[in-house]
Structures are given as C-alpha cells and as structure tokens.
Amino acid sequence: MKKFIVIGLAVFWVLSFGTIAHAQKLDFKASGFIDTATFWGVNTPYAYDLPPWTSFNAWLPPIYGPSPLFNVGAAGSGFGQALNKERSFWGSRARLKFDAIMEKNLSGTIFFEMDSGMWGEGQSSDGRNITGRWAADRAAVEVKNIYIDVGIPYFGIPLPMTARVGIQPLSVRPHMVVYNDGAGITGGIKIDPVTIEPMYFKPYEGLDYAADDIDVYGLNLSATFGTVKVGGFGLYYNQNTYPLTAAISSTVNFSSNMWWFGVYTDGKVGPVNINFDLVADTGEVKDRRNISPRAPDVDYQGWATRLKVEYPWEKFNFGAVGQYASGSDQKRTDGGTSVTGGGGLPGNTTPWGTPTTKVSGYMVPTASEQFGSGESLLLSGYPVWNGFLGYNSLNYAQMGRGSIGGTWLAKLYGSYKPTPWYKVTLAGLYIGDTTKHGNTIGNARGFGGTSPFPRNDGTIGVEFDLINEINIYKNLKFDVGLGYLLAGDAMDYFNVTTGRNKSGDDPWVLVTKLTYNF
C-alpha cells in the first residue's frame, strides 16, 4: 500500500509542476524575534527542573502525578528539594526566519531557533537549548522549519490549490490539540466558502524494511459565514512504535492507533467575540511483546471542551472562559513518571494495584506542544512565558495531558488599554480536578497519608493573574506577569520519608519578557 502512495505522490508532482517553466525575480525577506525573560517564584515547575534537559523527558508525568522537584521523599537525586523555596533565573529565545519568494505561487522558507533555558546552564545531552552556557559559541542553533510553498497549476481541477512540502508545523487548534514541527505535506483547496486542508506527516521511519514506523493523516475543513468561522477536523496517528524512541531499535514493545476528532467556531456574534472547541480522543495501545500471557490492550477515550466569550467596550475588554477536560480513573490508569514517562501502557500497574486498562483522561498527541497554551499563568505560563513553565505535561515520546487534561476551570477577566502603548489585564480563575480516585497534580494519600491508596480531591485552587503589556517602541515590547494560586487539597503531596501528606506553600510566580520583533 505504501508503494502505491509514494508512486501516486510522485506522479501528482510531475503532473502538477511540469508546466512551470519561467524563473521570476527573487524577493528575499528576513523576520523573527529576540527575547529575554526572567523567572522568580515558589512551587512553580519549569521544564529545566530535570537537568540535563532532553527532548525525551518531561517535567511532569504524562497522565497524572506531581512534579519531581516538589515530591518530597520520592526516589531520585534532588527530588523534593525545591518545595517551598524561592527560585529565580534568566532565560532567552531567538527565532530567525528566511523567506525566498519567487512569486505569489512559489516560495521557500528556512526557520531557525536558538534557546537558553537558564542563563549559565550546563551541557544538555543533545546539545540544544544551551545558548546561555558560559563560553558561548555552542552548537545550539536548531532548524525549526524548512519547506516549500507552492500554488498548484491547473491540471484539470478548476479550484485554487496550494501545497507545503518539507519540515513544517503540524498545527490543528494548537491551544487544544496539537502543535509540532516535523516532516510532512499539507495542502489547501478552496471551494468558497469552504477550505479543505489535507495533511500527512512522518514522525518516525525506524527500520525501512519493518512495520515499525509512525504516520499521521489529517483533514481540516472550515467555512466562513460573515464574521463567523466554523470547522471540523480529524487526525489519525498510526503508531507502529509507541512510545516514540530516541534511537532506532529492532525490538518494539507497543503500538498504538489513535484518533482525534473536533469541531470549532471562531468569530464575532453581535457585540461579542466567541471561540468554541469540542475535541474527543479515542484509540488504543497494544502489547507487541513476545510474552505469554500478554497484557490487555489499553483503551483511550477522553474529551475536552472550551468556550471563550469576550465583550470589547471602548478601552476595556471583558471576558469569560469555561473549560473542561476529562481526567483518568486511577483505578484503571497508571500515571507514568516524570523521568521516564511510560504511563498508560499495557502491563503497568495503577496506584490501586490493578492493571492499566483504560485512559479516560483527555490526551494530546505524541510530542504535541499544546502544553504551552492555556488560560492560566501557573498551569501553562501563558500569555507571558508561552511554554516550559507551570503545571503542564510535555513528553516528546508519548501522548500526554498537555496543560488541560484532568482539569476544569472557570475564568473571568478584564483588560484596560488607556494608551496605545500600555495594557493591563486582571484575571481570576477557579481550577478544579477531574481525575477520579486520585488527583491530577498532587499525590496525597487517604487518612492523612496512612492509607496505601490515593486521596481524591476536587479543588486545585483559585488563581489570580495580573498581566502588564508595555510597548516601549513599535517593535519592542515588555511584558510582566504575576500569578498567585490559593492551593486546594488536590495540590497536596505524599511524603515517602515521613509517611504523611504535606501541603506546600501557595504557588506564585513573577515573570517578565522583553521581546524585539523584526
């Protein structure tokens, strides 16, 4: 089947572009940004909590469980040592994008990224994200994207069609589902008022003579009616290797077939702006190990929804957000670990001593960077830090809960922009826990810690965020964000050393970011 797909694509390209003959004048453009950020806080996780940071480690378990730096008494060097302690550091990021535009129907893009997780950082295992290491000049320049955009010439189908080929973003409702950079082909077909976007990506090839690869197929349909855009999408992840490994191996223990389906609406209805999403994930992870008896397959079935309503009025903007994402049942699901991941696999054992059979918590696709989007400064770092900060889950090797799985929230906010160069936003959130027979973030046990089983709580906390946005120049912006969480019982930890539960201090964080866009 794969041979027919490859041959078909080759024929398609020949037929499509065989009529292109004349070179055009090149328009070369450069764009990007440089930022410098600061962090100061207590009991707020950060991606670089597990040095050396690598792309196949997370700082929180993929399905549920505490950050290792605050999990007192847990196994591992340094675990629990940061609980209730102030932490501070600097970081930075830069992106540089080159566009070579031949005409409106043909262009090429090369996109670089340079990160420093913490100024003065040590060596990472894969050499990236360390531009802030002393005696700089490091090989820390990352190739983010390399792709060609082309308008497909007419060859019998009288419709405007485009294609993007190469290393590019896989982006489908990124605040809810998936953003990731990788090799693939995406298309665009316009049938007014409908836009059709087919997509194919290749996360992993493995051994090219074996059925161990990973393929992603997707379709996004949208239509605009006046000021409202409505759409729906489907994504299929055929993962013959799961979790995704850092090195090619002839032994594959698990495979997975997963689907994501969703509908959405964006636009203006009367005086208000609305954004609505409803997403469901469904599929399974299978045991491929040559053992008898094999562990039962693990079913995945979760869902999430979000409604955001904004009312702009003169220099003010008022809004409300309601969001719910299903949580897993800890009697049927293990959470994995923050170091190795591994949650939701056949053969794993839950905290209740039962086998893992079903993950009912909402999950985002493998390696999705949805973790950096959200409504809470302390859950996702948004909107100041934009990722690598907060009680969210990122794992480049497997599916995870992102920044919303196992939680629900209700948010009210208002902003005021007295001048063109200054805007202030105040937000209040109630954040609840949707994990059953246990908690999403904390791991407290019943009866004060004397029970061997997890305690089930409903409240993660009440959060207040204050965001200041200052435009110093047209292309220079300074953001300051202060977040404080009145922690609920669902944030309590179990101290393995004392055998008792422990409530940490209320988490808070003060972050700043200076950004030059060009």
Protein backbone atom coordinates (compact mmCIF):
# COMPACT_ATOMS: atom_id res chain seq x y z
CA MET A 1 0.00 0.00 0.00
CA LYS A 2 2.84 2.37 0.83
CA LYS A 3 4.40 1.81 -2.61
CA PHE A 4 1.18 2.92 -4.31
CA ILE A 5 1.03 6.03 -2.11
CA VAL A 6 4.63 7.00 -2.90
CA ILE A 7 4.21 6.38 -6.65
CA GLY A 8 0.93 8.29 -6.66
CA LEU A 9 2.50 11.31 -4.99
CA ALA A 10 5.40 11.26 -7.46
CA VAL A 11 3.02 11.22 -10.44
CA PHE A 12 1.00 14.01 -8.84
CA TRP A 13 4.05 16.27 -8.53
CA VAL A 14 5.12 15.65 -12.13
CA LEU A 15 1.66 16.43 -13.50
CA SER A 16 1.24 19.45 -11.24
CA PHE A 17 4.53 21.20 -11.84
CA GLY A 18 5.50 20.03 -15.30
CA THR A 19 4.04 23.24 -16.75
CA ILE A 20 6.20 25.60 -14.66
CA ALA A 21 8.89 26.97 -16.93
CA HIS A 22 9.92 30.55 -16.28
CA ALA A 23 12.03 31.88 -13.43
CA GLN A 24 10.90 35.03 -11.62
CA LYS A 25 12.68 37.78 -9.70
CA LEU A 26 13.54 36.69 -6.15
CA ASP A 27 12.24 38.64 -3.14
CA PHE A 28 14.29 37.70 -0.05
CA LYS A 29 12.91 38.54 3.41
CA ALA A 30 14.10 38.01 6.97
CA SER A 31 11.97 38.15 10.12
CA GLY A 32 11.95 36.87 13.67
CA PHE A 33 12.34 37.92 17.27
CA ILE A 34 14.79 38.03 20.17
CA ASP A 35 13.56 37.86 23.75
CA THR A 36 14.98 37.85 27.26
CA ALA A 37 12.87 36.55 30.14
CA THR A 38 13.13 36.35 33.93
CA PHE A 39 11.56 33.93 36.42
CA TRP A 40 11.04 34.32 40.17
CA GLY A 41 8.67 32.10 42.08
CA VAL A 42 7.80 29.40 44.58
CA ASN A 43 6.43 25.91 43.86
CA THR A 44 6.04 26.56 40.13
CA PRO A 45 7.54 23.85 37.86
CA TYR A 46 9.77 24.64 34.93
CA ALA A 47 10.96 22.49 32.03
CA TYR A 48 14.59 22.57 33.12
CA ASP A 49 13.81 21.14 36.56
CA LEU A 50 15.42 17.86 35.43
CA PRO A 51 18.92 18.70 34.20
CA PRO A 52 20.25 17.81 31.77
CA TRP A 53 17.08 18.60 29.85
CA THR A 54 16.48 16.25 26.90
CA SER A 55 13.75 16.08 24.31
CA PHE A 56 12.52 12.71 25.57
CA ASN A 57 11.99 13.74 29.20
CA ALA A 58 9.12 15.65 30.76
CA TRP A 59 8.99 17.63 33.98
CA LEU A 60 5.62 16.18 34.96
CA PRO A 61 4.27 12.66 34.35
CA PRO A 62 2.31 12.28 31.10
CA ILE A 63 -1.10 11.42 32.61
CA TYR A 64 -1.12 12.47 36.27
CA GLY A 65 1.28 12.97 39.16
CA PRO A 66 3.45 15.59 40.85
CA SER A 67 6.50 17.50 39.72
CA PRO A 68 9.61 15.68 40.99
CA LEU A 69 11.13 18.84 42.46
CA PHE A 70 8.19 19.16 44.86
CA ASN A 71 7.57 15.44 45.51
CA VAL A 72 9.30 15.12 48.88
CA GLY A 73 10.87 11.74 49.58
CA ALA A 74 10.44 10.37 46.06
CA ALA A 75 13.29 8.35 44.60
CA GLY A 76 15.80 10.30 42.58
CA SER A 77 18.55 12.84 43.08
CA GLY A 78 17.22 16.26 44.05
CA PHE A 79 13.58 15.21 44.21
CA GLY A 80 11.59 17.36 46.64
CA GLN A 81 14.45 19.77 47.33
CA ALA A 82 12.74 22.81 45.78
CA LEU A 83 9.49 22.56 47.74
CA ASN A 84 8.64 25.93 49.35
CA LYS A 85 11.92 27.50 48.20
CA GLU A 86 12.25 30.66 46.11
CA ARG A 87 13.81 30.10 42.70
CA SER A 88 14.98 32.64 40.15
CA PHE A 89 16.82 32.68 36.83
CA TRP A 90 17.07 34.30 33.38
CA GLY A 91 16.33 32.74 30.01
CA SER A 92 16.12 33.73 26.36
CA ARG A 93 14.93 32.66 22.93
CA ALA A 94 15.52 33.86 19.38
CA ARG A 95 13.98 32.89 16.05
CA LEU A 96 15.24 33.80 12.59
CA LYS A 97 13.12 33.13 9.53
CA PHE A 98 14.20 33.49 5.90
CA ASP A 99 11.61 33.56 3.10
CA ALA A 100 12.74 33.32 -0.52
CA ILE A 101 9.67 34.44 -2.51
CA MET A 102 9.81 33.91 -6.25
CA GLU A 103 6.18 34.90 -6.83
CA LYS A 104 2.84 34.60 -5.06
CA ASN A 105 2.67 30.91 -6.02
CA LEU A 106 6.21 29.88 -5.11
CA SER A 107 8.36 30.45 -2.03
CA GLY A 108 10.79 28.65 0.25
CA THR A 109 11.27 29.08 3.99
CA ILE A 110 14.15 28.28 6.36
CA PHE A 111 13.42 28.89 10.04
CA PHE A 112 15.98 28.73 12.89
CA GLU A 113 15.52 28.77 16.67
CA MET A 114 18.03 29.40 19.49
CA ASP A 115 17.10 28.82 23.15
CA SER A 116 18.58 29.29 26.58
CA GLY A 117 16.51 27.55 29.23
CA MET A 118 18.55 29.15 32.00
CA TRP A 119 21.44 31.56 31.64
CA GLY A 120 24.54 29.81 32.92
CA GLU A 121 23.16 26.38 32.13
CA GLY A 122 25.17 23.16 31.86
CA GLN A 123 25.60 20.85 28.90
CA SER A 124 22.44 19.18 27.60
CA SER A 125 22.56 15.62 26.33
CA ASP A 126 21.52 16.60 22.80
CA GLY A 127 23.39 19.92 22.55
CA ARG A 128 20.39 22.20 22.15
CA ASN A 129 18.68 24.82 24.32
CA ILE A 130 22.01 25.93 25.84
CA THR A 131 22.81 29.25 24.16
CA GLY A 132 23.18 30.74 27.66
CA ARG A 133 26.04 28.47 28.66
CA TRP A 134 29.23 30.25 29.69
CA ALA A 135 31.85 30.47 26.94
CA ALA A 136 29.04 30.60 24.43
CA ASP A 137 29.69 29.70 20.76
CA ARG A 138 27.69 26.50 21.24
CA ALA A 139 26.08 24.31 18.59
CA ALA A 140 22.67 25.37 19.85
CA VAL A 141 21.11 26.59 16.59
CA GLU A 142 18.03 24.49 15.88
CA VAL A 143 16.47 24.05 12.44
CA LYS A 144 12.78 24.55 13.16
CA ASN A 145 11.32 24.56 9.63
CA ILE A 146 12.46 24.02 6.03
CA TYR A 147 9.66 23.93 3.47
CA ILE A 148 8.41 24.96 0.03
CA ASP A 149 5.06 26.70 -0.51
CA VAL A 150 3.62 26.36 -3.99
CA GLY A 151 0.42 27.14 -5.80
CA ILE A 152 -0.53 24.06 -7.80
CA PRO A 153 -1.04 24.85 -11.50
CA TYR A 154 -4.32 23.98 -13.15
CA PHE A 155 -4.30 20.37 -14.40
CA GLY A 156 -7.97 19.53 -14.75
CA ILE A 157 -9.44 20.52 -11.40
CA PRO A 158 -10.71 24.13 -11.63
CA LEU A 159 -10.04 25.02 -7.99
CA PRO A 160 -7.34 27.09 -6.25
CA MET A 161 -4.94 24.61 -4.62
CA THR A 162 -1.74 25.03 -2.63
CA ALA A 163 0.82 22.68 -1.11
CA ARG A 164 3.51 22.95 1.55
CA VAL A 165 6.27 20.32 1.44
CA GLY A 166 9.06 19.80 3.98
CA ILE A 167 9.76 20.30 7.69
CA GLN A 168 6.81 22.37 8.84
CA PRO A 169 4.28 22.88 11.65
CA LEU A 170 1.58 20.32 12.29
CA SER A 171 -0.93 22.74 13.78
CA VAL A 172 -4.56 21.89 14.46
CA ARG A 173 -6.27 24.01 17.14
CA PRO A 174 -2.92 24.26 18.97
CA HIS A 175 -4.42 25.67 22.17
CA MET A 176 -6.43 22.44 22.49
CA VAL A 177 -4.88 19.66 20.38
CA VAL A 178 -1.55 19.78 18.59
CA TYR A 179 1.36 21.93 17.55
CA ASN A 180 4.53 20.19 16.49
CA ASP A 181 7.25 20.70 13.87
CA GLY A 182 8.10 17.78 11.61
CA ALA A 183 8.38 16.37 8.12
CA GLY A 184 5.21 16.32 6.09
CA ILE A 185 2.98 17.57 3.30
CA THR A 186 -0.04 19.83 3.80
CA GLY A 187 -2.47 21.11 1.23
CA GLY A 188 -5.14 23.73 0.75
CA ILE A 189 -8.17 23.50 -1.53
CA LYS A 190 -10.60 26.42 -1.75
CA ILE A 191 -14.26 25.82 -2.63
CA ASP A 192 -15.98 29.00 -1.45
CA PRO A 193 -16.85 29.32 1.35
CA VAL A 194 -15.16 26.03 2.32
CA THR A 195 -11.42 25.45 2.77
CA ILE A 196 -10.13 21.86 2.74
CA GLU A 197 -6.76 21.14 4.33
CA PRO A 198 -5.44 17.57 3.94
CA MET A 199 -2.20 16.68 5.71
CA TYR A 200 0.34 13.90 6.05
CA PHE A 201 3.32 13.76 8.44
CA LYS A 202 6.10 11.28 9.17
CA PRO A 203 7.17 11.35 12.84
CA TYR A 204 9.25 8.15 12.69
CA GLU A 205 10.54 5.79 9.98
CA GLY A 206 12.54 3.32 12.05
CA LEU A 207 13.78 0.35 10.05
CA ASP A 208 12.60 0.91 6.49
CA TYR A 209 12.15 -2.83 5.94
CA ALA A 210 9.95 -3.30 9.03
CA ALA A 211 6.48 -2.20 10.08
CA ASP A 212 7.75 -0.01 12.91
CA ASP A 213 7.08 3.46 11.50
CA ILE A 214 4.66 6.21 12.54
CA ASP A 215 2.37 8.05 10.12
CA VAL A 216 -0.05 10.90 10.76
CA TYR A 217 -3.01 11.61 8.49
CA GLY A 218 -5.37 14.53 8.94
CA LEU A 219 -8.14 16.59 7.40
CA ASN A 220 -9.32 20.03 8.50
CA LEU A 221 -12.49 21.55 6.99
CA SER A 222 -13.59 25.12 7.65
CA ALA A 223 -16.03 27.65 6.23
CA THR A 224 -16.57 31.34 6.87
CA PHE A 225 -20.06 32.83 7.00
CA GLY A 226 -19.94 36.56 7.51
CA THR A 227 -17.96 37.16 10.69
CA VAL A 228 -18.09 33.56 11.93
CA LYS A 229 -15.79 30.67 11.02
CA VAL A 230 -16.90 27.10 11.70
CA GLY A 231 -14.87 23.96 11.20
CA GLY A 232 -14.16 20.37 11.99
CA PHE A 233 -11.14 18.10 11.85
CA GLY A 234 -9.92 14.55 12.16
CA LEU A 235 -6.42 13.27 12.94
CA TYR A 236 -5.21 9.67 12.76
CA TYR A 237 -1.90 8.61 14.37
CA ASN A 238 -0.80 5.16 13.14
CA GLN A 239 1.99 4.47 15.65
CA ASN A 240 3.63 1.12 14.95
CA THR A 241 6.26 2.13 17.51
CA TYR A 242 4.99 3.51 20.81
CA PRO A 243 6.28 5.32 22.77
CA LEU A 244 8.49 7.13 20.27
CA THR A 245 12.10 6.14 20.94
CA ALA A 246 15.22 8.28 20.77
CA ALA A 247 17.13 5.51 18.96
CA ILE A 248 16.07 3.00 16.30
CA SER A 249 15.57 -0.45 17.81
CA SER A 250 14.72 -3.83 16.35
CA THR A 251 12.55 -4.52 19.41
CA VAL A 252 9.20 -2.74 19.55
CA ASN A 253 7.16 -3.44 22.66
CA PHE A 254 3.99 -1.49 21.94
CA SER A 255 1.97 0.02 19.10
CA SER A 256 -0.90 2.48 19.07
CA ASN A 257 -3.72 3.65 16.83
CA MET A 258 -5.25 6.96 17.91
CA TRP A 259 -7.88 9.33 16.54
CA TRP A 260 -8.71 12.93 17.41
CA PHE A 261 -11.98 14.48 16.23
CA GLY A 262 -13.17 18.00 16.85
CA VAL A 263 -15.46 20.87 15.91
CA TYR A 264 -14.81 24.56 16.47
CA THR A 265 -16.17 28.08 15.98
CA ASP A 266 -14.37 31.44 15.94
CA GLY A 267 -15.78 34.85 15.20
CA LYS A 268 -17.97 37.75 16.20
CA VAL A 269 -21.65 37.38 17.07
CA GLY A 270 -23.27 40.73 17.67
CA PRO A 271 -21.09 42.72 20.07
CA VAL A 272 -19.14 39.73 21.43
CA ASN A 273 -16.25 37.59 20.18
CA ILE A 274 -16.54 33.84 20.68
CA ASN A 275 -14.21 30.85 20.50
CA PHE A 276 -15.56 27.34 20.96
CA ASP A 277 -13.89 23.91 20.80
CA LEU A 278 -15.09 20.36 21.39
CA VAL A 279 -12.50 17.59 20.99
CA ALA A 280 -12.50 13.83 21.59
CA ASP A 281 -9.64 11.33 21.51
CA THR A 282 -10.14 7.61 21.03
CA GLY A 283 -7.93 4.61 20.30
CA GLU A 284 -5.74 2.04 21.98
CA VAL A 285 -2.21 0.94 22.84
CA LYS A 286 -1.39 -2.71 22.08
CA ASP A 287 1.20 -5.02 23.61
CA ARG A 288 3.60 -6.42 20.96
CA ARG A 289 5.99 -8.17 23.34
CA ASN A 290 6.52 -11.86 22.74
CA ILE A 291 5.35 -12.90 26.20
CA SER A 292 2.54 -15.11 27.41
CA PRO A 293 0.07 -14.12 28.56
CA ARG A 294 0.19 -10.68 27.01
CA ALA A 295 -1.09 -7.72 28.97
CA PRO A 296 -4.53 -6.47 27.90
CA ASP A 297 -4.72 -3.60 25.43
CA VAL A 298 -5.21 -0.17 26.95
CA ASP A 299 -8.17 1.79 25.58
CA TYR A 300 -8.00 5.58 25.29
CA GLN A 301 -11.15 7.68 25.36
CA GLY A 302 -11.11 11.27 26.59
CA TRP A 303 -12.65 14.60 25.68
CA ALA A 304 -12.32 18.33 26.26
CA THR A 305 -14.32 21.46 25.54
CA ARG A 306 -13.75 25.19 25.84
CA LEU A 307 -15.91 28.30 25.40
CA LYS A 308 -14.46 31.80 25.47
CA VAL A 309 -16.61 34.94 25.20
CA GLU A 310 -15.21 38.48 25.01
CA TYR A 311 -17.02 41.82 25.08
CA PRO A 312 -14.89 44.79 23.94
CA TRP A 313 -16.12 48.20 25.06
CA GLU A 314 -14.19 51.38 24.31
CA LYS A 315 -10.81 50.97 26.06
CA PHE A 316 -11.97 47.92 28.02
CA ASN A 317 -12.30 44.24 27.21
CA PHE A 318 -14.27 41.85 29.42
CA GLY A 319 -14.25 38.09 29.05
CA ALA A 320 -15.20 34.73 30.47
CA VAL A 321 -13.86 31.23 29.82
CA GLY A 322 -15.29 27.85 30.70
CA GLN A 323 -13.12 24.79 30.08
CA TYR A 324 -13.42 21.10 30.92
CA ALA A 325 -11.07 18.21 30.13
CA SER A 326 -11.77 14.68 31.31
CA GLY A 327 -9.49 13.04 33.84
CA SER A 328 -8.42 9.42 34.15
CA ASP A 329 -9.58 6.91 36.75
CA GLN A 330 -6.56 5.92 38.85
CA LYS A 331 -8.12 2.51 39.48
CA ARG A 332 -7.78 1.84 35.74
CA THR A 333 -4.81 4.03 34.72
CA ASP A 334 -1.24 4.47 35.90
CA GLY A 335 0.21 7.95 35.59
CA GLY A 336 3.76 7.21 34.47
CA THR A 337 6.79 9.03 35.87
CA SER A 338 8.28 12.44 35.24
CA VAL A 339 11.65 10.95 34.25
CA THR A 340 10.78 8.01 32.02
CA GLY A 341 7.14 8.70 31.16
CA GLY A 342 5.65 5.33 30.34
CA GLY A 343 2.12 5.97 31.58
CA GLY A 344 -0.90 4.24 30.06
CA LEU A 345 0.97 1.17 28.76
CA PRO A 346 -0.17 -2.48 28.81
CA GLY A 347 1.26 -4.33 31.78
CA ASN A 348 1.55 -1.27 34.02
CA THR A 349 0.02 -1.26 37.50
CA THR A 350 -2.16 1.52 38.94
CA PRO A 351 -1.75 3.03 42.44
CA TRP A 352 -4.64 0.78 43.47
CA GLY A 353 -2.75 -2.37 42.48
CA THR A 354 -4.93 -3.05 39.44
CA PRO A 355 -3.75 -3.39 35.82
CA THR A 356 -3.89 -0.39 33.49
CA THR A 357 -6.78 -0.98 31.08
CA LYS A 358 -8.22 2.43 30.14
CA VAL A 359 -7.08 6.05 29.90
CA SER A 360 -10.22 8.16 30.15
CA GLY A 361 -8.35 11.42 30.67
CA TYR A 362 -8.07 13.84 27.76
CA MET A 363 -4.77 13.32 25.94
CA VAL A 364 -2.96 15.32 23.29
CA PRO A 365 -0.89 13.62 20.55
CA THR A 366 2.68 12.42 21.00
CA ALA A 367 5.10 15.37 21.21
CA SER A 368 2.31 17.96 20.97
CA GLU A 369 3.42 21.32 22.32
CA GLN A 370 -0.12 22.20 23.39
CA PHE A 371 1.38 22.38 26.88
CA GLY A 372 2.40 25.99 26.25
CA SER A 373 -1.14 27.23 25.63
CA GLY A 374 -3.80 27.83 28.21
CA GLU A 375 -5.71 30.24 30.39
CA SER A 376 -3.52 30.11 33.48
CA LEU A 377 -0.10 31.60 34.15
CA LEU A 378 0.65 28.85 36.68
CA LEU A 379 -0.65 25.95 34.56
CA SER A 380 0.95 26.87 31.25
CA GLY A 381 2.91 30.12 31.54
CA TYR A 382 0.55 31.77 29.07
CA PRO A 383 0.42 34.57 28.00
CA VAL A 384 3.80 35.90 29.20
CA TRP A 385 6.13 32.90 29.16
CA ASN A 386 4.44 30.80 26.45
CA GLY A 387 5.54 27.36 27.49
CA PHE A 388 8.12 25.46 29.55
CA LEU A 389 6.51 26.84 32.71
CA GLY A 390 3.75 25.64 35.01
CA TYR A 391 1.85 22.51 35.99
CA ASN A 392 1.56 21.14 32.46
CA SER A 393 2.82 17.94 30.88
CA LEU A 394 5.13 17.67 27.89
CA ASN A 395 6.60 14.43 26.63
CA TYR A 396 8.11 14.14 23.17
CA ALA A 397 7.94 10.35 23.38
CA GLN A 398 4.25 9.72 24.05
CA MET A 399 0.78 11.13 24.50
CA GLY A 400 0.17 13.38 27.50
CA ARG A 401 -2.43 15.55 29.18
CA GLY A 402 -0.87 18.82 27.99
CA SER A 403 -1.93 21.83 30.03
CA ILE A 404 -5.63 20.97 30.35
CA GLY A 405 -6.11 17.19 30.79
CA GLY A 406 -7.55 16.25 34.19
CA THR A 407 -8.68 19.81 34.97
CA TRP A 408 -11.61 22.14 34.57
CA LEU A 409 -11.72 25.88 35.07
CA ALA A 410 -13.95 28.92 35.14
CA LYS A 411 -12.27 32.24 34.40
CA LEU A 412 -13.31 35.89 34.48
CA TYR A 413 -11.01 38.63 33.25
CA GLY A 414 -10.93 42.23 32.22
CA SER A 415 -8.37 44.42 30.48
CA TYR A 416 -7.89 48.15 30.16
CA LYS A 417 -5.83 49.93 27.49
CA PRO A 418 -5.61 53.61 28.45
CA THR A 419 -2.92 54.39 25.86
CA PRO A 420 -1.72 52.75 22.61
CA TRP A 421 1.43 51.61 24.42
CA TYR A 422 0.05 50.12 27.66
CA LYS A 423 -2.47 47.40 28.52
CA VAL A 424 -3.25 45.78 31.88
CA THR A 425 -5.26 42.59 32.43
CA LEU A 426 -6.61 41.14 35.68
CA ALA A 427 -7.93 37.56 35.74
CA GLY A 428 -9.44 35.28 38.36
CA LEU A 429 -9.78 31.51 37.91
CA TYR A 430 -11.25 28.59 39.79
CA ILE A 431 -9.38 25.41 38.78
CA GLY A 432 -10.87 22.01 39.55
CA ASP A 433 -9.60 18.42 39.35
CA THR A 434 -11.35 15.84 37.13
CA THR A 435 -9.16 12.80 37.86
CA LYS A 436 -11.06 10.02 39.67
CA HIS A 437 -9.80 8.00 42.68
CA GLY A 438 -6.78 10.30 42.89
CA ASN A 439 -5.59 13.74 41.80
CA THR A 440 -4.12 15.20 38.62
CA ILE A 441 -1.20 17.14 40.16
CA GLY A 442 -0.91 16.11 43.81
CA ASN A 443 -0.42 12.57 45.09
CA ALA A 444 -1.71 12.76 48.67
CA ARG A 445 -2.96 9.51 50.21
CA GLY A 446 -6.10 8.89 52.24
CA PHE A 447 -6.39 9.16 56.02
CA GLY A 448 -3.59 11.70 56.36
CA GLY A 449 -1.19 9.54 54.38
CA THR A 450 -1.67 6.33 56.35
CA SER A 451 -3.73 4.74 53.58
CA PRO A 452 -1.82 2.98 50.78
CA PHE A 453 -4.28 4.43 48.25
CA PRO A 454 -4.58 7.91 46.71
CA ARG A 455 -6.90 10.55 48.12
CA ASN A 456 -9.48 12.09 45.79
CA ASP A 457 -9.94 15.88 45.93
CA GLY A 458 -11.85 18.33 43.79
CA THR A 459 -10.07 21.68 44.07
CA ILE A 460 -6.69 22.53 42.55
CA GLY A 461 -7.07 26.13 43.61
CA VAL A 462 -8.14 29.70 42.98
CA GLU A 463 -5.69 31.69 40.86
CA PHE A 464 -5.24 35.41 40.30
CA ASP A 465 -3.16 36.75 37.40
CA LEU A 466 -2.05 40.31 36.69
CA ILE A 467 -0.56 40.93 33.23
CA ASN A 468 1.06 44.20 32.13
CA GLU A 469 1.95 44.75 28.45
CA ILE A 470 4.12 47.75 27.60
CA ASN A 471 5.06 48.72 24.03
CA ILE A 472 8.33 50.60 24.50
CA TYR A 473 8.79 51.05 20.76
CA LYS A 474 6.78 49.80 17.80
CA ASN A 475 8.82 46.58 17.70
CA LEU A 476 9.94 46.36 21.33
CA LYS A 477 7.55 45.02 23.97
CA PHE A 478 7.93 44.39 27.70
CA ASP A 479 5.52 42.02 29.48
CA VAL A 480 5.22 41.49 33.23
CA GLY A 481 3.07 38.71 34.69
CA LEU A 482 2.27 37.96 38.33
CA GLY A 483 0.35 34.80 39.21
CA TYR A 484 -0.75 33.52 42.63
CA LEU A 485 -2.58 30.26 43.35
CA LEU A 486 -4.51 29.68 46.56
CA ALA A 487 -3.77 25.97 46.53
CA GLY A 488 -6.55 23.48 47.17
CA ASP A 489 -6.36 19.99 48.64
CA ALA A 490 -5.71 18.46 45.19
CA MET A 491 -2.21 20.03 45.33
CA ASP A 492 -1.11 18.12 48.46
CA TYR A 493 1.83 15.70 48.25
CA PHE A 494 2.64 12.41 49.96
CA ASN A 495 5.99 12.43 51.74
CA VAL A 496 7.50 8.98 51.26
CA THR A 497 10.06 9.59 54.02
CA THR A 498 7.61 10.53 56.79
CA GLY A 499 4.64 8.53 55.54
CA ARG A 500 2.40 11.61 55.84
CA ASN A 501 0.80 14.10 53.47
CA LYS A 502 2.29 17.58 53.11
CA SER A 503 0.73 20.81 51.92
CA GLY A 504 3.20 23.08 50.17
CA ASP A 505 3.09 26.86 50.24
CA ASP A 506 0.77 28.53 47.77
CA PRO A 507 2.49 28.63 44.33
CA TRP A 508 3.30 32.04 42.90
CA VAL A 509 5.40 33.35 40.05
CA LEU A 510 6.62 36.69 38.71
CA VAL A 511 7.79 36.52 35.11
CA THR A 512 8.94 39.18 32.66
CA LYS A 513 9.81 39.12 28.98
CA LEU A 514 11.43 41.73 26.76
CA THR A 515 10.78 40.99 23.07
CA TYR A 516 12.16 42.61 19.93
CA ASN A 517 10.20 41.65 16.80
CA PHE A 518 11.60 42.31 13.35
